[in-house]
Amino acid sequence: MEIQLIETEQDYNKAIKRIDEVFDARPGSQEAKELEVLSLLVNKYEEENFPIDEPDPIEYIKIRMEEMGLTASDLVPYMGNKGNVSKVLNRKRGLSIDMIRKLNKGLGFPLEVLIAEPKNLNTA
């Protein structure tokens, strides 16, 4: 396959099809090199045409709570008290710097997610 820039959805689909064809290429082979270049081109096209929204920190916390089997009470050490936990989870307030630090250090939640602006915060 002649490698070229991916500029249209048709180019994109063609590249995805070719990636599927050479996915199991032997390392060091021409097909493996082609796979690497196509993957880079597809990644660039996807970043430009299918941007991923910044994650919402409150939604992230809720998802991680479910995954980790945590309850709202389990967040008290990281958010100060039950009232704060309830307000954050119900979007009545955002996370404080102290909460962000504690959630990052104590539960390993990524700082870049926690510092994002929460969507649909109802502070009124």
PDB file of N, CA and C in Angstrom:
ATOM      1  N   MET A   1       0.847  -1.188   0.000  1.00  0.00           N
ATOM      2  CA  MET A   1       0.000   0.000   0.000  1.00  0.00           C
ATOM      3  C   MET A   1       0.883   1.238   0.000  1.00  0.00           C
ATOM      4  N   GLU A   2       0.512   2.198  -0.797  1.00  0.00           N
ATOM      5  CA  GLU A   2       1.215   3.478  -0.816  1.00  0.00           C
ATOM      6  C   GLU A   2       0.722   4.305   0.372  1.00  0.00           C
ATOM      7  N   ILE A   3       1.635   4.720   1.226  1.00  0.00           N
ATOM      8  CA  ILE A   3       1.261   5.477   2.424  1.00  0.00           C
ATOM      9  C   ILE A   3       1.152   6.947   2.063  1.00  0.00           C
ATOM     10  N   GLN A   4       0.042   7.553   2.498  1.00  0.00           N
ATOM     11  CA  GLN A   4      -0.187   8.969   2.249  1.00  0.00           C
ATOM     12  C   GLN A   4      -0.900   9.581   3.447  1.00  0.00           C
ATOM     13  N   LEU A   5      -0.947  10.894   3.498  1.00  0.00           N
ATOM     14  CA  LEU A   5      -1.658  11.571   4.572  1.00  0.00           C
ATOM     15  C   LEU A   5      -3.122  11.164   4.563  1.00  0.00           C
ATOM     16  N   ILE A   6      -3.716  11.113   5.733  1.00  0.00           N
ATOM     17  CA  ILE A   6      -5.139  10.799   5.859  1.00  0.00           C
ATOM     18  C   ILE A   6      -5.875  12.129   5.948  1.00  0.00           C
ATOM     19  N   GLU A   7      -6.600  12.444   4.895  1.00  0.00           N
ATOM     20  CA  GLU A   7      -7.276  13.742   4.824  1.00  0.00           C
ATOM     21  C   GLU A   7      -8.794  13.636   4.778  1.00  0.00           C
ATOM     22  N   THR A   8      -9.309  12.464   4.450  1.00  0.00           N
ATOM     23  CA  THR A   8     -10.753  12.285   4.353  1.00  0.00           C
ATOM     24  C   THR A   8     -11.168  11.045   5.140  1.00  0.00           C
ATOM     25  N   GLU A   9     -12.468  10.928   5.348  1.00  0.00           N
ATOM     26  CA  GLU A   9     -12.976   9.744   6.038  1.00  0.00           C
ATOM     27  C   GLU A   9     -12.712   8.493   5.206  1.00  0.00           C
ATOM     28  N   GLN A  10     -12.750   8.630   3.881  1.00  0.00           N
ATOM     29  CA  GLN A  10     -12.449   7.501   3.004  1.00  0.00           C
ATOM     30  C   GLN A  10     -10.995   7.056   3.188  1.00  0.00           C
ATOM     31  N   ASP A  11     -10.063   8.029   3.255  1.00  0.00           N
ATOM     32  CA  ASP A  11      -8.654   7.705   3.520  1.00  0.00           C
ATOM     33  C   ASP A  11      -8.516   7.005   4.869  1.00  0.00           C
ATOM     34  N   TYR A  12      -9.242   7.508   5.840  1.00  0.00           N
ATOM     35  CA  TYR A  12      -9.205   6.955   7.195  1.00  0.00           C
ATOM     36  C   TYR A  12      -9.672   5.495   7.194  1.00  0.00           C
ATOM     37  N   ASN A  13     -10.817   5.242   6.565  1.00  0.00           N
ATOM     38  CA  ASN A  13     -11.357   3.880   6.514  1.00  0.00           C
ATOM     39  C   ASN A  13     -10.410   2.929   5.782  1.00  0.00           C
ATOM     40  N   LYS A  14      -9.798   3.419   4.735  1.00  0.00           N
ATOM     41  CA  LYS A  14      -8.836   2.615   3.967  1.00  0.00           C
ATOM     42  C   LYS A  14      -7.625   2.263   4.849  1.00  0.00           C
ATOM     43  N   ALA A  15      -7.146   3.241   5.620  1.00  0.00           N
ATOM     44  CA  ALA A  15      -6.002   3.006   6.507  1.00  0.00           C
ATOM     45  C   ALA A  15      -6.361   2.019   7.615  1.00  0.00           C
ATOM     46  N   ILE A  16      -7.549   2.144   8.183  1.00  0.00           N
ATOM     47  CA  ILE A  16      -8.001   1.214   9.232  1.00  0.00           C
ATOM     48  C   ILE A  16      -8.066  -0.210   8.673  1.00  0.00           C
ATOM     49  N   LYS A  17      -8.587  -0.342   7.466  1.00  0.00           N
ATOM     50  CA  LYS A  17      -8.674  -1.659   6.831  1.00  0.00           C
ATOM     51  C   LYS A  17      -7.273  -2.262   6.654  1.00  0.00           C
ATOM     52  N   ARG A  18      -6.337  -1.425   6.203  1.00  0.00           N
ATOM     53  CA  ARG A  18      -4.973  -1.915   5.995  1.00  0.00           C
ATOM     54  C   ARG A  18      -4.312  -2.285   7.324  1.00  0.00           C
ATOM     55  N   ILE A  19      -4.565  -1.515   8.364  1.00  0.00           N
ATOM     56  CA  ILE A  19      -4.026  -1.835   9.697  1.00  0.00           C
ATOM     57  C   ILE A  19      -4.515  -3.213  10.126  1.00  0.00           C
ATOM     58  N   ASP A  20      -5.781  -3.488   9.913  1.00  0.00           N
ATOM     59  CA  ASP A  20      -6.331  -4.815  10.248  1.00  0.00           C
ATOM     60  C   ASP A  20      -5.601  -5.915   9.482  1.00  0.00           C
ATOM     61  N   GLU A  21      -5.275  -5.645   8.223  1.00  0.00           N
ATOM     62  CA  GLU A  21      -4.615  -6.648   7.380  1.00  0.00           C
ATOM     63  C   GLU A  21      -3.189  -6.960   7.841  1.00  0.00           C
ATOM     64  N   VAL A  22      -2.472  -5.942   8.320  1.00  0.00           N
ATOM     65  CA  VAL A  22      -1.056  -6.137   8.679  1.00  0.00           C
ATOM     66  C   VAL A  22      -0.819  -6.143  10.185  1.00  0.00           C
ATOM     67  N   PHE A  23      -1.891  -6.252  10.952  1.00  0.00           N
ATOM     68  CA  PHE A  23      -1.785  -6.133  12.408  1.00  0.00           C
ATOM     69  C   PHE A  23      -0.823  -7.139  13.022  1.00  0.00           C
ATOM     70  N   ASP A  24      -0.764  -8.328  12.511  1.00  0.00           N
ATOM     71  CA  ASP A  24       0.097  -9.372  13.077  1.00  0.00           C
ATOM     72  C   ASP A  24       1.423  -9.505  12.319  1.00  0.00           C
ATOM     73  N   ALA A  25       1.873  -8.420  11.739  1.00  0.00           N
ATOM     74  CA  ALA A  25       3.113  -8.460  10.956  1.00  0.00           C
ATOM     75  C   ALA A  25       4.307  -8.834  11.836  1.00  0.00           C
ATOM     76  N   ARG A  26       5.242  -9.533  11.226  1.00  0.00           N
ATOM     77  CA  ARG A  26       6.464  -9.945  11.917  1.00  0.00           C
ATOM     78  C   ARG A  26       7.295  -8.701  12.253  1.00  0.00           C
ATOM     79  N   PRO A  27       7.734  -8.531  13.511  1.00  0.00           N
ATOM     80  CA  PRO A  27       8.549  -7.373  13.886  1.00  0.00           C
ATOM     81  C   PRO A  27       9.758  -7.212  12.963  1.00  0.00           C
ATOM     82  N   GLY A  28       9.986  -5.972  12.543  1.00  0.00           N
ATOM     83  CA  GLY A  28      11.114  -5.669  11.676  1.00  0.00           C
ATOM     84  C   GLY A  28      10.807  -5.800  10.192  1.00  0.00           C
ATOM     85  N   SER A  29       9.658  -6.386   9.859  1.00  0.00           N
ATOM     86  CA  SER A  29       9.292  -6.554   8.451  1.00  0.00           C
ATOM     87  C   SER A  29       8.784  -5.230   7.868  1.00  0.00           C
ATOM     88  N   GLN A  30       8.680  -5.200   6.547  1.00  0.00           N
ATOM     89  CA  GLN A  30       8.147  -4.005   5.873  1.00  0.00           C
ATOM     90  C   GLN A  30       6.716  -3.749   6.321  1.00  0.00           C
ATOM     91  N   GLU A  31       5.931  -4.819   6.488  1.00  0.00           N
ATOM     92  CA  GLU A  31       4.548  -4.664   6.943  1.00  0.00           C
ATOM     93  C   GLU A  31       4.489  -4.092   8.355  1.00  0.00           C
ATOM     94  N   ALA A  32       5.421  -4.469   9.207  1.00  0.00           N
ATOM     95  CA  ALA A  32       5.456  -3.931  10.566  1.00  0.00           C
ATOM     96  C   ALA A  32       5.771  -2.437  10.538  1.00  0.00           C
ATOM     97  N   LYS A  33       6.672  -2.037   9.649  1.00  0.00           N
ATOM     98  CA  LYS A  33       7.000  -0.618   9.503  1.00  0.00           C
ATOM     99  C   LYS A  33       5.797   0.152   8.957  1.00  0.00           C
ATOM    100  N   GLU A  34       5.126  -0.457   7.996  1.00  0.00           N
ATOM    101  CA  GLU A  34       3.921   0.151   7.430  1.00  0.00           C
ATOM    102  C   GLU A  34       2.859   0.312   8.518  1.00  0.00           C
ATOM    103  N   LEU A  35       2.695  -0.714   9.339  1.00  0.00           N
ATOM    104  CA  LEU A  35       1.734  -0.672  10.440  1.00  0.00           C
ATOM    105  C   LEU A  35       2.033   0.490  11.380  1.00  0.00           C
ATOM    106  N   GLU A  36       3.293   0.679  11.709  1.00  0.00           N
ATOM    107  CA  GLU A  36       3.683   1.758  12.619  1.00  0.00           C
ATOM    108  C   GLU A  36       3.351   3.128  12.030  1.00  0.00           C
ATOM    109  N   VAL A  37       3.683   3.326  10.758  1.00  0.00           N
ATOM    110  CA  VAL A  37       3.415   4.617  10.109  1.00  0.00           C
ATOM    111  C   VAL A  37       1.906   4.857   9.996  1.00  0.00           C
ATOM    112  N   LEU A  38       1.173   3.828   9.578  1.00  0.00           N
ATOM    113  CA  LEU A  38      -0.283   3.973   9.464  1.00  0.00           C
ATOM    114  C   LEU A  38      -0.925   4.280  10.815  1.00  0.00           C
ATOM    115  N   SER A  39      -0.432   3.644  11.855  1.00  0.00           N
ATOM    116  CA  SER A  39      -0.969   3.893  13.200  1.00  0.00           C
ATOM    117  C   SER A  39      -0.765   5.343  13.615  1.00  0.00           C
ATOM    118  N   LEU A  40       0.390   5.890  13.305  1.00  0.00           N
ATOM    119  CA  LEU A  40       0.660   7.293  13.616  1.00  0.00           C
ATOM    120  C   LEU A  40      -0.261   8.227  12.832  1.00  0.00           C
ATOM    121  N   LEU A  41      -0.450   7.924  11.558  1.00  0.00           N
ATOM    122  CA  LEU A  41      -1.320   8.746  10.722  1.00  0.00           C
ATOM    123  C   LEU A  41      -2.778   8.666  11.174  1.00  0.00           C
ATOM    124  N   VAL A  42      -3.230   7.465  11.519  1.00  0.00           N
ATOM    125  CA  VAL A  42      -4.601   7.296  12.004  1.00  0.00           C
ATOM    126  C   VAL A  42      -4.780   8.034  13.329  1.00  0.00           C
ATOM    127  N   ASN A  43      -3.808   7.925  14.217  1.00  0.00           N
ATOM    128  CA  ASN A  43      -3.882   8.613  15.499  1.00  0.00           C
ATOM    129  C   ASN A  43      -3.988  10.123  15.301  1.00  0.00           C
ATOM    130  N   LYS A  44      -3.181  10.671  14.415  1.00  0.00           N
ATOM    131  CA  LYS A  44      -3.216  12.114  14.129  1.00  0.00           C
ATOM    132  C   LYS A  44      -4.585  12.508  13.587  1.00  0.00           C
ATOM    133  N   TYR A  45      -5.116  11.730  12.650  1.00  0.00           N
ATOM    134  CA  TYR A  45      -6.436  12.025  12.078  1.00  0.00           C
ATOM    135  C   TYR A  45      -7.516  11.984  13.158  1.00  0.00           C
ATOM    136  N   GLU A  46      -7.478  10.965  14.021  1.00  0.00           N
ATOM    137  CA  GLU A  46      -8.478  10.839  15.084  1.00  0.00           C
ATOM    138  C   GLU A  46      -8.397  11.993  16.072  1.00  0.00           C
ATOM    139  N   GLU A  47      -7.195  12.405  16.435  1.00  0.00           N
ATOM    140  CA  GLU A  47      -7.038  13.531  17.360  1.00  0.00           C
ATOM    141  C   GLU A  47      -7.629  14.815  16.779  1.00  0.00           C
ATOM    142  N   GLU A  48      -7.459  15.007  15.481  1.00  0.00           N
ATOM    143  CA  GLU A  48      -7.949  16.222  14.828  1.00  0.00           C
ATOM    144  C   GLU A  48      -9.451  16.174  14.542  1.00  0.00           C
ATOM    145  N   ASN A  49      -9.997  14.994  14.280  1.00  0.00           N
ATOM    146  CA  ASN A  49     -11.381  14.893  13.841  1.00  0.00           C
ATOM    147  C   ASN A  49     -12.343  14.299  14.855  1.00  0.00           C
ATOM    148  N   PHE A  50     -11.829  13.631  15.862  1.00  0.00           N
ATOM    149  CA  PHE A  50     -12.672  13.031  16.890  1.00  0.00           C
ATOM    150  C   PHE A  50     -12.120  13.396  18.265  1.00  0.00           C
ATOM    151  N   PRO A  51     -12.083  14.690  18.600  1.00  0.00           N
ATOM    152  CA  PRO A  51     -11.486  15.088  19.885  1.00  0.00           C
ATOM    153  C   PRO A  51     -12.272  14.523  21.062  1.00  0.00           C
ATOM    154  N   ILE A  52     -11.541  14.184  22.097  1.00  0.00           N
ATOM    155  CA  ILE A  52     -12.141  13.653  23.315  1.00  0.00           C
ATOM    156  C   ILE A  52     -12.303  14.797  24.306  1.00  0.00           C
ATOM    157  N   ASP A  53     -13.520  14.959  24.818  1.00  0.00           N
ATOM    158  CA  ASP A  53     -13.778  16.004  25.803  1.00  0.00           C
ATOM    159  C   ASP A  53     -12.974  15.754  27.069  1.00  0.00           C
ATOM    160  N   GLU A  54     -12.649  16.843  27.729  1.00  0.00           N
ATOM    161  CA  GLU A  54     -11.983  16.726  29.022  1.00  0.00           C
ATOM    162  C   GLU A  54     -12.910  15.970  29.975  1.00  0.00           C
ATOM    163  N   PRO A  55     -12.369  15.071  30.771  1.00  0.00           N
ATOM    164  CA  PRO A  55     -13.233  14.322  31.693  1.00  0.00           C
ATOM    165  C   PRO A  55     -13.778  15.223  32.799  1.00  0.00           C
ATOM    166  N   ASP A  56     -14.969  14.924  33.231  1.00  0.00           N
ATOM    167  CA  ASP A  56     -15.585  15.658  34.325  1.00  0.00           C
ATOM    168  C   ASP A  56     -15.126  15.027  35.636  1.00  0.00           C
ATOM    169  N   PRO A  57     -14.546  15.817  36.552  1.00  0.00           N
ATOM    170  CA  PRO A  57     -14.000  15.228  37.783  1.00  0.00           C
ATOM    171  C   PRO A  57     -15.049  14.548  38.659  1.00  0.00           C
ATOM    172  N   ILE A  58     -16.245  15.096  38.702  1.00  0.00           N
ATOM    173  CA  ILE A  58     -17.279  14.502  39.557  1.00  0.00           C
ATOM    174  C   ILE A  58     -17.740  13.171  38.966  1.00  0.00           C
ATOM    175  N   GLU A  59     -17.930  13.140  37.662  1.00  0.00           N
ATOM    176  CA  GLU A  59     -18.314  11.877  37.012  1.00  0.00           C
ATOM    177  C   GLU A  59     -17.202  10.843  37.176  1.00  0.00           C
ATOM    178  N   TYR A  60     -15.943  11.293  37.063  1.00  0.00           N
ATOM    179  CA  TYR A  60     -14.806  10.394  37.249  1.00  0.00           C
ATOM    180  C   TYR A  60     -14.834   9.787  38.655  1.00  0.00           C
ATOM    181  N   ILE A  61     -15.070  10.622  39.662  1.00  0.00           N
ATOM    182  CA  ILE A  61     -15.115  10.130  41.043  1.00  0.00           C
ATOM    183  C   ILE A  61     -16.216   9.090  41.199  1.00  0.00           C
ATOM    184  N   LYS A  62     -17.389   9.360  40.633  1.00  0.00           N
ATOM    185  CA  LYS A  62     -18.503   8.415  40.743  1.00  0.00           C
ATOM    186  C   LYS A  62     -18.171   7.074  40.077  1.00  0.00           C
ATOM    187  N   ILE A  63     -17.570   7.130  38.911  1.00  0.00           N
ATOM    188  CA  ILE A  63     -17.194   5.906  38.203  1.00  0.00           C
ATOM    189  C   ILE A  63     -16.168   5.117  39.003  1.00  0.00           C
ATOM    190  N   ARG A  64     -15.151   5.811  39.511  1.00  0.00           N
ATOM    191  CA  ARG A  64     -14.111   5.132  40.290  1.00  0.00           C
ATOM    192  C   ARG A  64     -14.672   4.578  41.598  1.00  0.00           C
ATOM    193  N   MET A  65     -15.623   5.279  42.209  1.00  0.00           N
ATOM    194  CA  MET A  65     -16.257   4.762  43.425  1.00  0.00           C
ATOM    195  C   MET A  65     -16.913   3.415  43.128  1.00  0.00           C
ATOM    196  N   GLU A  66     -17.640   3.357  42.019  1.00  0.00           N
ATOM    197  CA  GLU A  66     -18.311   2.110  41.648  1.00  0.00           C
ATOM    198  C   GLU A  66     -17.295   1.009  41.371  1.00  0.00           C
ATOM    199  N   GLU A  67     -16.255   1.342  40.617  1.00  0.00           N
ATOM    200  CA  GLU A  67     -15.222   0.355  40.288  1.00  0.00           C
ATOM    201  C   GLU A  67     -14.498  -0.164  41.522  1.00  0.00           C
ATOM    202  N   MET A  68     -14.289   0.730  42.495  1.00  0.00           N
ATOM    203  CA  MET A  68     -13.529   0.371  43.691  1.00  0.00           C
ATOM    204  C   MET A  68     -14.425  -0.120  44.829  1.00  0.00           C
ATOM    205  N   GLY A  69     -15.743  -0.088  44.610  1.00  0.00           N
ATOM    206  CA  GLY A  69     -16.668  -0.523  45.653  1.00  0.00           C
ATOM    207  C   GLY A  69     -16.723   0.436  46.826  1.00  0.00           C
ATOM    208  N   LEU A  70     -16.554   1.723  46.561  1.00  0.00           N
ATOM    209  CA  LEU A  70     -16.560   2.734  47.621  1.00  0.00           C
ATOM    210  C   LEU A  70     -17.946   3.328  47.790  1.00  0.00           C
ATOM    211  N   THR A  71     -18.234   3.757  49.008  1.00  0.00           N
ATOM    212  CA  THR A  71     -19.476   4.483  49.291  1.00  0.00           C
ATOM    213  C   THR A  71     -19.114   5.937  49.539  1.00  0.00           C
ATOM    214  N   ALA A  72     -20.127   6.766  49.638  1.00  0.00           N
ATOM    215  CA  ALA A  72     -19.895   8.180  49.932  1.00  0.00           C
ATOM    216  C   ALA A  72     -19.146   8.332  51.255  1.00  0.00           C
ATOM    217  N   SER A  73     -19.445   7.499  52.217  1.00  0.00           N
ATOM    218  CA  SER A  73     -18.766   7.562  53.525  1.00  0.00           C
ATOM    219  C   SER A  73     -17.267   7.314  53.397  1.00  0.00           C
ATOM    220  N   ASP A  74     -16.892   6.490  52.423  1.00  0.00           N
ATOM    221  CA  ASP A  74     -15.470   6.203  52.216  1.00  0.00           C
ATOM    222  C   ASP A  74     -14.697   7.427  51.725  1.00  0.00           C
ATOM    223  N   LEU A  75     -15.407   8.428  51.208  1.00  0.00           N
ATOM    224  CA  LEU A  75     -14.744   9.634  50.698  1.00  0.00           C
ATOM    225  C   LEU A  75     -14.548  10.712  51.765  1.00  0.00           C
ATOM    226  N   VAL A  76     -15.153  10.522  52.929  1.00  0.00           N
ATOM    227  CA  VAL A  76     -15.051  11.524  54.003  1.00  0.00           C
ATOM    228  C   VAL A  76     -13.602  11.878  54.337  1.00  0.00           C
ATOM    229  N   PRO A  77     -12.683  10.911  54.473  1.00  0.00           N
ATOM    230  CA  PRO A  77     -11.304  11.289  54.794  1.00  0.00           C
ATOM    231  C   PRO A  77     -10.635  12.180  53.735  1.00  0.00           C
ATOM    232  N   TYR A  78     -11.152  12.137  52.526  1.00  0.00           N
ATOM    233  CA  TYR A  78     -10.558  12.906  51.441  1.00  0.00           C
ATOM    234  C   TYR A  78     -11.272  14.239  51.200  1.00  0.00           C
ATOM    235  N   MET A  79     -12.513  14.348  51.688  1.00  0.00           N
ATOM    236  CA  MET A  79     -13.302  15.556  51.436  1.00  0.00           C
ATOM    237  C   MET A  79     -13.715  16.294  52.706  1.00  0.00           C
ATOM    238  N   GLY A  80     -13.340  15.778  53.848  1.00  0.00           N
ATOM    239  CA  GLY A  80     -13.569  16.513  55.087  1.00  0.00           C
ATOM    240  C   GLY A  80     -14.747  16.054  55.915  1.00  0.00           C
ATOM    241  N   ASN A  81     -15.921  15.955  55.323  1.00  0.00           N
ATOM    242  CA  ASN A  81     -17.104  15.514  56.055  1.00  0.00           C
ATOM    243  C   ASN A  81     -18.180  15.049  55.078  1.00  0.00           C
ATOM    244  N   LYS A  82     -19.248  14.428  55.629  1.00  0.00           N
ATOM    245  CA  LYS A  82     -20.314  13.890  54.783  1.00  0.00           C
ATOM    246  C   LYS A  82     -21.007  14.977  53.973  1.00  0.00           C
ATOM    247  N   GLY A  83     -21.116  16.159  54.559  1.00  0.00           N
ATOM    248  CA  GLY A  83     -21.754  17.274  53.850  1.00  0.00           C
ATOM    249  C   GLY A  83     -20.995  17.651  52.591  1.00  0.00           C
ATOM    250  N   ASN A  84     -19.673  17.729  52.708  1.00  0.00           N
ATOM    251  CA  ASN A  84     -18.847  18.046  51.537  1.00  0.00           C
ATOM    252  C   ASN A  84     -18.973  16.970  50.466  1.00  0.00           C
ATOM    253  N   VAL A  85     -18.938  15.705  50.904  1.00  0.00           N
ATOM    254  CA  VAL A  85     -19.053  14.596  49.954  1.00  0.00           C
ATOM    255  C   VAL A  85     -20.381  14.711  49.206  1.00  0.00           C
ATOM    256  N   SER A  86     -21.452  14.915  49.933  1.00  0.00           N
ATOM    257  CA  SER A  86     -22.778  15.024  49.333  1.00  0.00           C
ATOM    258  C   SER A  86     -22.850  16.204  48.368  1.00  0.00           C
ATOM    259  N   LYS A  87     -22.331  17.343  48.772  1.00  0.00           N
ATOM    260  CA  LYS A  87     -22.364  18.530  47.906  1.00  0.00           C
ATOM    261  C   LYS A  87     -21.572  18.313  46.619  1.00  0.00           C
ATOM    262  N   VAL A  88     -20.411  17.690  46.724  1.00  0.00           N
ATOM    263  CA  VAL A  88     -19.603  17.439  45.530  1.00  0.00           C
ATOM    264  C   VAL A  88     -20.315  16.457  44.612  1.00  0.00           C
ATOM    265  N   LEU A  89     -20.753  15.326  45.153  1.00  0.00           N
ATOM    266  CA  LEU A  89     -21.381  14.296  44.327  1.00  0.00           C
ATOM    267  C   LEU A  89     -22.696  14.764  43.707  1.00  0.00           C
ATOM    268  N   ASN A  90     -23.365  15.715  44.361  1.00  0.00           N
ATOM    269  CA  ASN A  90     -24.620  16.268  43.834  1.00  0.00           C
ATOM    270  C   ASN A  90     -24.406  17.580  43.065  1.00  0.00           C
ATOM    271  N   ARG A  91     -23.148  17.880  42.790  1.00  0.00           N
ATOM    272  CA  ARG A  91     -22.757  19.042  41.988  1.00  0.00           C
ATOM    273  C   ARG A  91     -23.188  20.378  42.599  1.00  0.00           C
ATOM    274  N   LYS A  92     -23.213  20.421  43.920  1.00  0.00           N
ATOM    275  CA  LYS A  92     -23.536  21.666  44.616  1.00  0.00           C
ATOM    276  C   LYS A  92     -22.279  22.484  44.902  1.00  0.00           C
ATOM    277  N   ARG A  93     -21.118  21.840  44.788  1.00  0.00           N
ATOM    278  CA  ARG A  93     -19.837  22.530  44.972  1.00  0.00           C
ATOM    279  C   ARG A  93     -18.761  21.761  44.234  1.00  0.00           C
ATOM    280  N   GLY A  94     -17.692  22.474  43.912  1.00  0.00           N
ATOM    281  CA  GLY A  94     -16.558  21.839  43.258  1.00  0.00           C
ATOM    282  C   GLY A  94     -15.575  21.297  44.280  1.00  0.00           C
ATOM    283  N   LEU A  95     -14.529  20.714  43.792  1.00  0.00           N
ATOM    284  CA  LEU A  95     -13.476  20.181  44.660  1.00  0.00           C
ATOM    285  C   LEU A  95     -12.542  21.300  45.097  1.00  0.00           C
ATOM    286  N   SER A  96     -12.140  21.274  46.349  1.00  0.00           N
ATOM    287  CA  SER A  96     -11.141  22.225  46.831  1.00  0.00           C
ATOM    288  C   SER A  96      -9.751  21.679  46.518  1.00  0.00           C
ATOM    289  N   ILE A  97      -8.757  22.531  46.610  1.00  0.00           N
ATOM    290  CA  ILE A  97      -7.369  22.106  46.388  1.00  0.00           C
ATOM    291  C   ILE A  97      -7.005  20.990  47.371  1.00  0.00           C
ATOM    292  N   ASP A  98      -7.434  21.126  48.615  1.00  0.00           N
ATOM    293  CA  ASP A  98      -7.136  20.113  49.630  1.00  0.00           C
ATOM    294  C   ASP A  98      -7.775  18.767  49.269  1.00  0.00           C
ATOM    295  N   MET A  99      -9.030  18.803  48.810  1.00  0.00           N
ATOM    296  CA  MET A  99      -9.708  17.570  48.397  1.00  0.00           C
ATOM    297  C   MET A  99      -8.968  16.925  47.227  1.00  0.00           C
ATOM    298  N   ILE A 100      -8.596  17.733  46.258  1.00  0.00           N
ATOM    299  CA  ILE A 100      -7.882  17.240  45.077  1.00  0.00           C
ATOM    300  C   ILE A 100      -6.592  16.545  45.496  1.00  0.00           C
ATOM    301  N   ARG A 101      -5.839  17.191  46.365  1.00  0.00           N
ATOM    302  CA  ARG A 101      -4.576  16.592  46.833  1.00  0.00           C
ATOM    303  C   ARG A 101      -4.811  15.269  47.549  1.00  0.00           C
ATOM    304  N   LYS A 102      -5.809  15.240  48.422  1.00  0.00           N
ATOM    305  CA  LYS A 102      -6.085  14.025  49.190  1.00  0.00           C
ATOM    306  C   LYS A 102      -6.602  12.888  48.307  1.00  0.00           C
ATOM    307  N   LEU A 103      -7.461  13.202  47.347  1.00  0.00           N
ATOM    308  CA  LEU A 103      -7.968  12.172  46.430  1.00  0.00           C
ATOM    309  C   LEU A 103      -6.838  11.623  45.564  1.00  0.00           C
ATOM    310  N   ASN A 104      -5.931  12.499  45.167  1.00  0.00           N
ATOM    311  CA  ASN A 104      -4.793  12.067  44.361  1.00  0.00           C
ATOM    312  C   ASN A 104      -3.864  11.179  45.180  1.00  0.00           C
ATOM    313  N   LYS A 105      -3.493  11.642  46.356  1.00  0.00           N
ATOM    314  CA  LYS A 105      -2.544  10.896  47.181  1.00  0.00           C
ATOM    315  C   LYS A 105      -3.164   9.634  47.768  1.00  0.00           C
ATOM    316  N   GLY A 106      -4.390   9.738  48.265  1.00  0.00           N
ATOM    317  CA  GLY A 106      -5.006   8.611  48.956  1.00  0.00           C
ATOM    318  C   GLY A 106      -5.597   7.547  48.051  1.00  0.00           C
ATOM    319  N   LEU A 107      -6.184   7.964  46.923  1.00  0.00           N
ATOM    320  CA  LEU A 107      -6.857   7.009  46.044  1.00  0.00           C
ATOM    321  C   LEU A 107      -6.201   6.901  44.667  1.00  0.00           C
ATOM    322  N   GLY A 108      -5.187   7.723  44.428  1.00  0.00           N
ATOM    323  CA  GLY A 108      -4.475   7.657  43.158  1.00  0.00           C
ATOM    324  C   GLY A 108      -5.233   8.261  41.990  1.00  0.00           C
ATOM    325  N   PHE A 109      -6.239   9.088  42.263  1.00  0.00           N
ATOM    326  CA  PHE A 109      -6.975   9.732  41.183  1.00  0.00           C
ATOM    327  C   PHE A 109      -6.046  10.743  40.503  1.00  0.00           C
ATOM    328  N   PRO A 110      -6.018  10.785  39.176  1.00  0.00           N
ATOM    329  CA  PRO A 110      -5.084  11.661  38.473  1.00  0.00           C
ATOM    330  C   PRO A 110      -5.414  13.147  38.656  1.00  0.00           C
ATOM    331  N   LEU A 111      -4.373  13.912  38.941  1.00  0.00           N
ATOM    332  CA  LEU A 111      -4.547  15.353  39.141  1.00  0.00           C
ATOM    333  C   LEU A 111      -5.182  16.028  37.933  1.00  0.00           C
ATOM    334  N   GLU A 112      -4.749  15.624  36.719  1.00  0.00           N
ATOM    335  CA  GLU A 112      -5.262  16.287  35.515  1.00  0.00           C
ATOM    336  C   GLU A 112      -6.768  16.119  35.352  1.00  0.00           C
ATOM    337  N   VAL A 113      -7.332  15.056  35.901  1.00  0.00           N
ATOM    338  CA  VAL A 113      -8.779  14.870  35.853  1.00  0.00           C
ATOM    339  C   VAL A 113      -9.442  15.685  36.965  1.00  0.00           C
ATOM    340  N   LEU A 114      -8.878  15.629  38.149  1.00  0.00           N
ATOM    341  CA  LEU A 114      -9.487  16.296  39.305  1.00  0.00           C
ATOM    342  C   LEU A 114      -9.505  17.821  39.179  1.00  0.00           C
ATOM    343  N   ILE A 115      -8.521  18.393  38.498  1.00  0.00           N
ATOM    344  CA  ILE A 115      -8.475  19.860  38.408  1.00  0.00           C
ATOM    345  C   ILE A 115      -9.354  20.428  37.301  1.00  0.00           C
ATOM    346  N   ALA A 116      -9.913  19.552  36.453  1.00  0.00           N
ATOM    347  CA  ALA A 116     -10.787  20.022  35.377  1.00  0.00           C
ATOM    348  C   ALA A 116     -12.034  20.680  35.964  1.00  0.00           C
ATOM    349  N   GLU A 117     -12.589  21.605  35.214  1.00  0.00           N
ATOM    350  CA  GLU A 117     -13.806  22.301  35.631  1.00  0.00           C
ATOM    351  C   GLU A 117     -14.981  21.329  35.576  1.00  0.00           C
ATOM    352  N   PRO A 118     -15.694  21.142  36.698  1.00  0.00           N
ATOM    353  CA  PRO A 118     -16.859  20.248  36.677  1.00  0.00           C
ATOM    354  C   PRO A 118     -17.937  20.803  35.748  1.00  0.00           C
ATOM    355  N   LYS A 119     -18.626  19.905  35.053  1.00  0.00           N
ATOM    356  CA  LYS A 119     -19.718  20.303  34.169  1.00  0.00           C
ATOM    357  C   LYS A 119     -21.014  20.388  34.984  1.00  0.00           C
ATOM    358  N   ASN A 120     -21.834  21.353  34.656  1.00  0.00           N
ATOM    359  CA  ASN A 120     -23.170  21.495  35.260  1.00  0.00           C
ATOM    360  C   ASN A 120     -23.140  21.618  36.775  1.00  0.00           C
ATOM    361  N   LEU A 121     -22.219  22.412  37.283  1.00  0.00           N
ATOM    362  CA  LEU A 121     -22.148  22.652  38.723  1.00  0.00           C
ATOM    363  C   LEU A 121     -23.294  23.579  39.123  1.00  0.00           C
ATOM    364  N   ASN A 122     -24.072  23.183  40.133  1.00  0.00           N
ATOM    365  CA  ASN A 122     -25.253  23.960  40.571  1.00  0.00           C
ATOM    366  C   ASN A 122     -24.974  24.625  41.904  1.00  0.00           C
ATOM    367  N   THR A 123     -24.154  25.664  41.901  1.00  0.00           N
ATOM    368  CA  THR A 123     -23.762  26.314  43.158  1.00  0.00           C
ATOM    369  C   THR A 123     -24.779  27.345  43.629  1.00  0.00           C
ATOM    370  N   ALA A 124     -25.787  27.618  42.863  1.00  0.00           N
ATOM    371  CA  ALA A 124     -26.772  28.654  43.248  1.00  0.00           C
ATOM    372  C   ALA A 124     -27.711  28.183  44.314  1.00  0.00           C
TER     373      ALA A 124
END
